[in-house]
Amino acid sequence: MLIDIIAGARPNFMKIAPIIEAIEKASKTEENISYRLIHTGQHFDKKMSSDFFEQLGIPEPHVNLEAGGGSQAEQTAAIMVRFEKELIENRPDLVIVVGDVTSTMACSIVAKKLLI
């Protein structure tokens, strides 16, 4: 099973850390579970992103959609377009979103529309 885990903003980073830890632990005993960490780029400044990854022991993202900047509408649209392309090219079995930030909403809509 391949799981995409979405993170885009500081509240997401704190919530995904224990999920990643649990998946990594399970992957050592389960034969078919893996994940891809997808960073939407909603918070793209080092202090808003990279520092949290280091402090929380979160691995570097497998994919960075680099959708930061612009108005909220522009950012939402960029996340949706880029995440849709990623899902079409590399379809997971499950998408996990946490929290209530722009990234969460945008990626939830895309995954639902693609029946994931």
N, C-alpha and C. Protein backbone atom coordinates (compact mmCIF):
# COMPACT_ATOMS: atom_id res chain seq x y z
N MET A 1 0.85 -1.17 0.00
CA MET A 1 0.00 0.00 0.00
C MET A 1 0.90 1.24 0.00
N LEU A 2 0.62 2.14 -0.91
CA LEU A 2 1.34 3.41 -0.97
C LEU A 2 0.43 4.51 -0.46
N ILE A 3 0.94 5.26 0.51
CA ILE A 3 0.18 6.35 1.13
C ILE A 3 0.88 7.67 0.83
N ASP A 4 0.14 8.63 0.32
CA ASP A 4 0.65 9.99 0.19
C ASP A 4 0.26 10.77 1.43
N ILE A 5 1.24 11.40 2.06
CA ILE A 5 0.99 12.24 3.23
C ILE A 5 1.24 13.68 2.81
N ILE A 6 0.25 14.53 3.03
CA ILE A 6 0.30 15.92 2.60
C ILE A 6 0.69 16.83 3.75
N ALA A 7 1.63 17.72 3.48
CA ALA A 7 2.00 18.75 4.46
C ALA A 7 2.27 20.03 3.71
N GLY A 8 1.82 21.13 4.28
CA GLY A 8 2.05 22.40 3.61
C GLY A 8 2.35 23.55 4.54
N ALA A 9 1.95 23.40 5.80
CA ALA A 9 2.10 24.50 6.76
C ALA A 9 2.51 23.94 8.12
N ARG A 10 3.00 24.82 8.97
CA ARG A 10 3.51 24.40 10.28
C ARG A 10 2.58 23.47 11.04
N PRO A 11 1.27 23.75 11.13
CA PRO A 11 0.41 22.81 11.87
C PRO A 11 0.43 21.40 11.28
N ASN A 12 0.56 21.30 9.95
CA ASN A 12 0.63 19.99 9.30
C ASN A 12 1.90 19.25 9.70
N PHE A 13 3.02 19.96 9.74
CA PHE A 13 4.31 19.32 10.02
C PHE A 13 4.28 18.63 11.38
N MET A 14 3.70 19.30 12.37
CA MET A 14 3.63 18.72 13.71
C MET A 14 2.73 17.48 13.74
N LYS A 15 1.68 17.49 12.94
CA LYS A 15 0.73 16.38 12.94
C LYS A 15 1.21 15.17 12.14
N ILE A 16 2.03 15.40 11.11
CA ILE A 16 2.47 14.26 10.29
C ILE A 16 3.64 13.51 10.90
N ALA A 17 4.40 14.16 11.78
CA ALA A 17 5.58 13.51 12.36
C ALA A 17 5.25 12.15 12.99
N PRO A 18 4.23 12.04 13.87
CA PRO A 18 3.93 10.72 14.45
C PRO A 18 3.33 9.75 13.44
N ILE A 19 2.68 10.25 12.41
CA ILE A 19 2.13 9.37 11.36
C ILE A 19 3.26 8.73 10.59
N ILE A 20 4.25 9.54 10.21
CA ILE A 20 5.40 9.01 9.49
C ILE A 20 6.14 7.99 10.35
N GLU A 21 6.32 8.32 11.61
CA GLU A 21 6.99 7.39 12.53
C GLU A 21 6.25 6.05 12.60
N ALA A 22 4.93 6.10 12.69
CA ALA A 22 4.13 4.87 12.77
C ALA A 22 4.22 4.06 11.47
N ILE A 23 4.18 4.74 10.32
CA ILE A 23 4.29 4.03 9.04
C ILE A 23 5.67 3.39 8.90
N GLU A 24 6.70 4.13 9.27
CA GLU A 24 8.06 3.57 9.18
C GLU A 24 8.20 2.35 10.10
N LYS A 25 7.62 2.42 11.27
CA LYS A 25 7.66 1.27 12.19
C LYS A 25 6.88 0.09 11.61
N ALA A 26 5.70 0.36 11.08
CA ALA A 26 4.88 -0.71 10.50
C ALA A 26 5.53 -1.32 9.27
N SER A 27 6.25 -0.51 8.51
CA SER A 27 6.88 -1.03 7.28
C SER A 27 7.96 -2.05 7.60
N LYS A 28 8.46 -2.03 8.82
CA LYS A 28 9.47 -3.02 9.22
C LYS A 28 8.84 -4.37 9.57
N THR A 29 7.55 -4.36 9.91
CA THR A 29 6.87 -5.61 10.26
C THR A 29 5.83 -6.01 9.22
N GLU A 30 5.26 -5.03 8.54
CA GLU A 30 4.30 -5.31 7.48
C GLU A 30 5.07 -5.41 6.16
N GLU A 31 4.63 -6.24 5.26
CA GLU A 31 5.40 -6.39 4.04
C GLU A 31 5.07 -5.39 2.94
N ASN A 32 3.96 -4.67 3.07
CA ASN A 32 3.58 -3.83 1.94
C ASN A 32 2.96 -2.50 2.38
N ILE A 33 3.75 -1.67 3.02
CA ILE A 33 3.28 -0.33 3.36
C ILE A 33 4.44 0.64 3.17
N SER A 34 4.16 1.70 2.44
CA SER A 34 5.17 2.74 2.23
C SER A 34 4.44 4.07 2.07
N TYR A 35 5.21 5.15 2.08
CA TYR A 35 4.59 6.46 1.97
C TYR A 35 5.46 7.37 1.12
N ARG A 36 4.81 8.41 0.64
CA ARG A 36 5.49 9.54 0.00
C ARG A 36 5.04 10.78 0.75
N LEU A 37 6.00 11.56 1.16
CA LEU A 37 5.70 12.83 1.81
C LEU A 37 5.66 13.90 0.73
N ILE A 38 4.52 14.55 0.62
CA ILE A 38 4.34 15.59 -0.39
C ILE A 38 4.17 16.94 0.32
N HIS A 39 5.11 17.82 0.04
CA HIS A 39 5.09 19.18 0.60
C HIS A 39 4.47 20.07 -0.48
N THR A 40 3.40 20.75 -0.14
CA THR A 40 2.75 21.60 -1.14
C THR A 40 3.52 22.88 -1.40
N GLY A 41 4.35 23.27 -0.43
CA GLY A 41 5.06 24.54 -0.57
C GLY A 41 4.27 25.72 -0.05
N GLN A 42 3.14 25.45 0.61
CA GLN A 42 2.33 26.55 1.16
C GLN A 42 3.19 27.45 2.04
N HIS A 43 3.93 26.87 2.97
CA HIS A 43 4.93 27.62 3.74
C HIS A 43 6.28 27.24 3.15
N PHE A 44 6.87 28.19 2.46
CA PHE A 44 8.09 27.90 1.70
C PHE A 44 9.33 28.54 2.27
N ASP A 45 9.19 29.41 3.24
CA ASP A 45 10.33 30.04 3.90
C ASP A 45 11.02 29.02 4.81
N LYS A 46 12.34 29.07 4.91
CA LYS A 46 13.08 28.11 5.74
C LYS A 46 12.57 28.08 7.17
N LYS A 47 12.28 29.24 7.73
CA LYS A 47 11.80 29.29 9.12
C LYS A 47 10.38 28.72 9.24
N MET A 48 9.65 28.72 8.16
CA MET A 48 8.28 28.22 8.17
C MET A 48 8.21 26.75 7.76
N SER A 49 9.31 26.19 7.28
CA SER A 49 9.23 24.85 6.73
C SER A 49 10.43 23.99 7.13
N SER A 50 11.57 24.21 6.53
CA SER A 50 12.73 23.33 6.73
C SER A 50 13.11 23.16 8.19
N ASP A 51 13.09 24.25 8.96
CA ASP A 51 13.44 24.15 10.37
C ASP A 51 12.55 23.17 11.10
N PHE A 52 11.25 23.15 10.77
CA PHE A 52 10.33 22.22 11.42
C PHE A 52 10.64 20.78 11.04
N PHE A 53 11.01 20.54 9.80
CA PHE A 53 11.37 19.19 9.38
C PHE A 53 12.55 18.69 10.21
N GLU A 54 13.55 19.54 10.37
CA GLU A 54 14.74 19.16 11.15
C GLU A 54 14.38 18.93 12.61
N GLN A 55 13.65 19.85 13.21
CA GLN A 55 13.33 19.76 14.63
C GLN A 55 12.44 18.57 14.95
N LEU A 56 11.56 18.21 14.04
CA LEU A 56 10.62 17.11 14.29
C LEU A 56 11.12 15.77 13.76
N GLY A 57 12.29 15.77 13.13
CA GLY A 57 12.84 14.53 12.60
C GLY A 57 12.06 14.00 11.40
N ILE A 58 11.46 14.90 10.64
CA ILE A 58 10.70 14.50 9.45
C ILE A 58 11.67 14.43 8.28
N PRO A 59 11.61 13.37 7.49
CA PRO A 59 12.51 13.27 6.35
C PRO A 59 12.20 14.34 5.29
N GLU A 60 13.16 14.57 4.43
CA GLU A 60 12.92 15.49 3.31
C GLU A 60 11.74 14.98 2.49
N PRO A 61 10.90 15.87 1.99
CA PRO A 61 9.76 15.44 1.18
C PRO A 61 10.22 14.71 -0.09
N HIS A 62 9.44 13.75 -0.48
CA HIS A 62 9.69 13.05 -1.75
C HIS A 62 9.35 13.96 -2.93
N VAL A 63 8.33 14.80 -2.70
CA VAL A 63 7.85 15.72 -3.73
C VAL A 63 7.60 17.08 -3.08
N ASN A 64 8.00 18.15 -3.75
CA ASN A 64 7.66 19.50 -3.31
C ASN A 64 6.94 20.17 -4.47
N LEU A 65 5.67 20.48 -4.26
CA LEU A 65 4.86 21.09 -5.32
C LEU A 65 5.23 22.55 -5.56
N GLU A 66 5.95 23.16 -4.63
CA GLU A 66 6.43 24.54 -4.76
C GLU A 66 5.32 25.51 -5.17
N ALA A 67 4.21 25.42 -4.45
CA ALA A 67 3.04 26.23 -4.78
C ALA A 67 2.87 27.43 -3.85
N GLY A 68 3.93 27.89 -3.22
CA GLY A 68 3.84 29.02 -2.30
C GLY A 68 3.72 30.34 -3.03
N GLY A 69 3.27 31.34 -2.31
CA GLY A 69 3.17 32.68 -2.86
C GLY A 69 1.84 32.95 -3.52
N GLY A 70 1.61 34.20 -3.84
CA GLY A 70 0.37 34.61 -4.48
C GLY A 70 -0.77 34.75 -3.50
N SER A 71 -1.92 35.10 -4.02
CA SER A 71 -3.12 35.20 -3.19
C SER A 71 -3.54 33.80 -2.76
N GLN A 72 -4.48 33.75 -1.82
CA GLN A 72 -4.95 32.44 -1.37
C GLN A 72 -5.58 31.66 -2.53
N ALA A 73 -6.31 32.34 -3.39
CA ALA A 73 -6.92 31.67 -4.55
C ALA A 73 -5.84 31.14 -5.50
N GLU A 74 -4.82 31.95 -5.75
CA GLU A 74 -3.73 31.51 -6.64
C GLU A 74 -2.99 30.32 -6.04
N GLN A 75 -2.74 30.38 -4.75
CA GLN A 75 -2.04 29.29 -4.09
C GLN A 75 -2.88 28.01 -4.10
N THR A 76 -4.16 28.13 -3.81
CA THR A 76 -5.06 26.97 -3.84
C THR A 76 -5.08 26.34 -5.23
N ALA A 77 -5.21 27.18 -6.24
CA ALA A 77 -5.24 26.67 -7.62
C ALA A 77 -3.93 25.99 -7.99
N ALA A 78 -2.80 26.59 -7.61
CA ALA A 78 -1.49 26.00 -7.93
C ALA A 78 -1.33 24.64 -7.26
N ILE A 79 -1.73 24.54 -5.99
CA ILE A 79 -1.64 23.26 -5.28
C ILE A 79 -2.50 22.22 -5.98
N MET A 80 -3.73 22.59 -6.33
CA MET A 80 -4.64 21.64 -6.96
C MET A 80 -4.11 21.15 -8.31
N VAL A 81 -3.65 22.06 -9.14
CA VAL A 81 -3.16 21.68 -10.46
C VAL A 81 -1.93 20.79 -10.35
N ARG A 82 -1.00 21.16 -9.49
CA ARG A 82 0.25 20.39 -9.35
C ARG A 82 0.03 19.05 -8.67
N PHE A 83 -0.86 19.02 -7.67
CA PHE A 83 -1.14 17.75 -7.00
C PHE A 83 -1.90 16.80 -7.92
N GLU A 84 -2.83 17.33 -8.70
CA GLU A 84 -3.55 16.48 -9.66
C GLU A 84 -2.57 15.82 -10.62
N LYS A 85 -1.64 16.58 -11.15
CA LYS A 85 -0.64 16.02 -12.07
C LYS A 85 0.18 14.93 -11.37
N GLU A 86 0.57 15.19 -10.13
CA GLU A 86 1.35 14.20 -9.36
C GLU A 86 0.55 12.92 -9.15
N LEU A 87 -0.72 13.03 -8.81
CA LEU A 87 -1.55 11.84 -8.59
C LEU A 87 -1.78 11.06 -9.87
N ILE A 88 -1.94 11.74 -10.97
CA ILE A 88 -2.13 11.06 -12.25
C ILE A 88 -0.87 10.29 -12.64
N GLU A 89 0.28 10.90 -12.40
CA GLU A 89 1.56 10.26 -12.77
C GLU A 89 1.98 9.18 -11.77
N ASN A 90 1.64 9.35 -10.50
CA ASN A 90 2.08 8.44 -9.44
C ASN A 90 0.94 8.21 -8.46
N ARG A 91 -0.01 7.38 -8.85
CA ARG A 91 -1.23 7.20 -8.07
C ARG A 91 -0.98 6.37 -6.80
N PRO A 92 -1.30 6.94 -5.65
CA PRO A 92 -1.21 6.18 -4.39
C PRO A 92 -2.50 5.42 -4.14
N ASP A 93 -2.48 4.59 -3.11
CA ASP A 93 -3.70 3.89 -2.69
C ASP A 93 -4.54 4.74 -1.75
N LEU A 94 -3.88 5.67 -1.07
CA LEU A 94 -4.53 6.46 -0.04
C LEU A 94 -3.82 7.81 0.08
N VAL A 95 -4.58 8.86 0.35
CA VAL A 95 -4.01 10.18 0.62
C VAL A 95 -4.44 10.58 2.03
N ILE A 96 -3.46 10.96 2.84
CA ILE A 96 -3.74 11.43 4.20
C ILE A 96 -3.47 12.93 4.26
N VAL A 97 -4.48 13.67 4.68
CA VAL A 97 -4.32 15.10 4.93
C VAL A 97 -4.65 15.34 6.40
N VAL A 98 -3.98 16.31 6.99
CA VAL A 98 -4.24 16.64 8.39
C VAL A 98 -4.45 18.14 8.51
N GLY A 99 -5.27 18.53 9.47
CA GLY A 99 -5.46 19.95 9.72
C GLY A 99 -6.51 20.61 8.85
N ASP A 100 -6.43 21.94 8.82
CA ASP A 100 -7.46 22.71 8.12
C ASP A 100 -6.87 23.90 7.37
N VAL A 101 -5.71 23.70 6.77
CA VAL A 101 -5.06 24.78 6.03
C VAL A 101 -5.39 24.66 4.54
N THR A 102 -4.96 25.62 3.77
CA THR A 102 -5.21 25.64 2.32
C THR A 102 -4.77 24.34 1.66
N SER A 103 -3.59 23.85 2.02
CA SER A 103 -3.07 22.60 1.43
C SER A 103 -4.01 21.43 1.67
N THR A 104 -4.55 21.37 2.89
CA THR A 104 -5.46 20.28 3.25
C THR A 104 -6.70 20.30 2.36
N MET A 105 -7.30 21.46 2.24
CA MET A 105 -8.51 21.60 1.42
C MET A 105 -8.22 21.26 -0.03
N ALA A 106 -7.18 21.86 -0.59
CA ALA A 106 -6.88 21.69 -2.00
C ALA A 106 -6.58 20.24 -2.35
N CYS A 107 -5.75 19.59 -1.55
CA CYS A 107 -5.38 18.20 -1.84
C CYS A 107 -6.54 17.24 -1.59
N SER A 108 -7.38 17.54 -0.61
CA SER A 108 -8.56 16.70 -0.36
C SER A 108 -9.50 16.70 -1.56
N ILE A 109 -9.74 17.87 -2.11
CA ILE A 109 -10.63 17.97 -3.27
C ILE A 109 -10.06 17.19 -4.45
N VAL A 110 -8.78 17.37 -4.72
CA VAL A 110 -8.15 16.67 -5.86
C VAL A 110 -8.21 15.16 -5.68
N ALA A 111 -7.85 14.67 -4.49
CA ALA A 111 -7.89 13.22 -4.26
C ALA A 111 -9.30 12.67 -4.40
N LYS A 112 -10.27 13.37 -3.86
CA LYS A 112 -11.66 12.92 -3.95
C LYS A 112 -12.13 12.87 -5.41
N LYS A 113 -11.79 13.89 -6.19
CA LYS A 113 -12.21 13.93 -7.59
C LYS A 113 -11.56 12.81 -8.40
N LEU A 114 -10.37 12.36 -7.98
CA LEU A 114 -9.69 11.27 -8.68
C LEU A 114 -10.02 9.90 -8.05
N LEU A 115 -10.99 9.90 -7.14
CA LEU A 115 -11.48 8.69 -6.49
C LEU A 115 -10.40 7.96 -5.68
N ILE A 116 -9.57 8.75 -5.03
CA ILE A 116 -8.54 8.16 -4.14
C ILE A 116 -8.99 8.41 -2.71
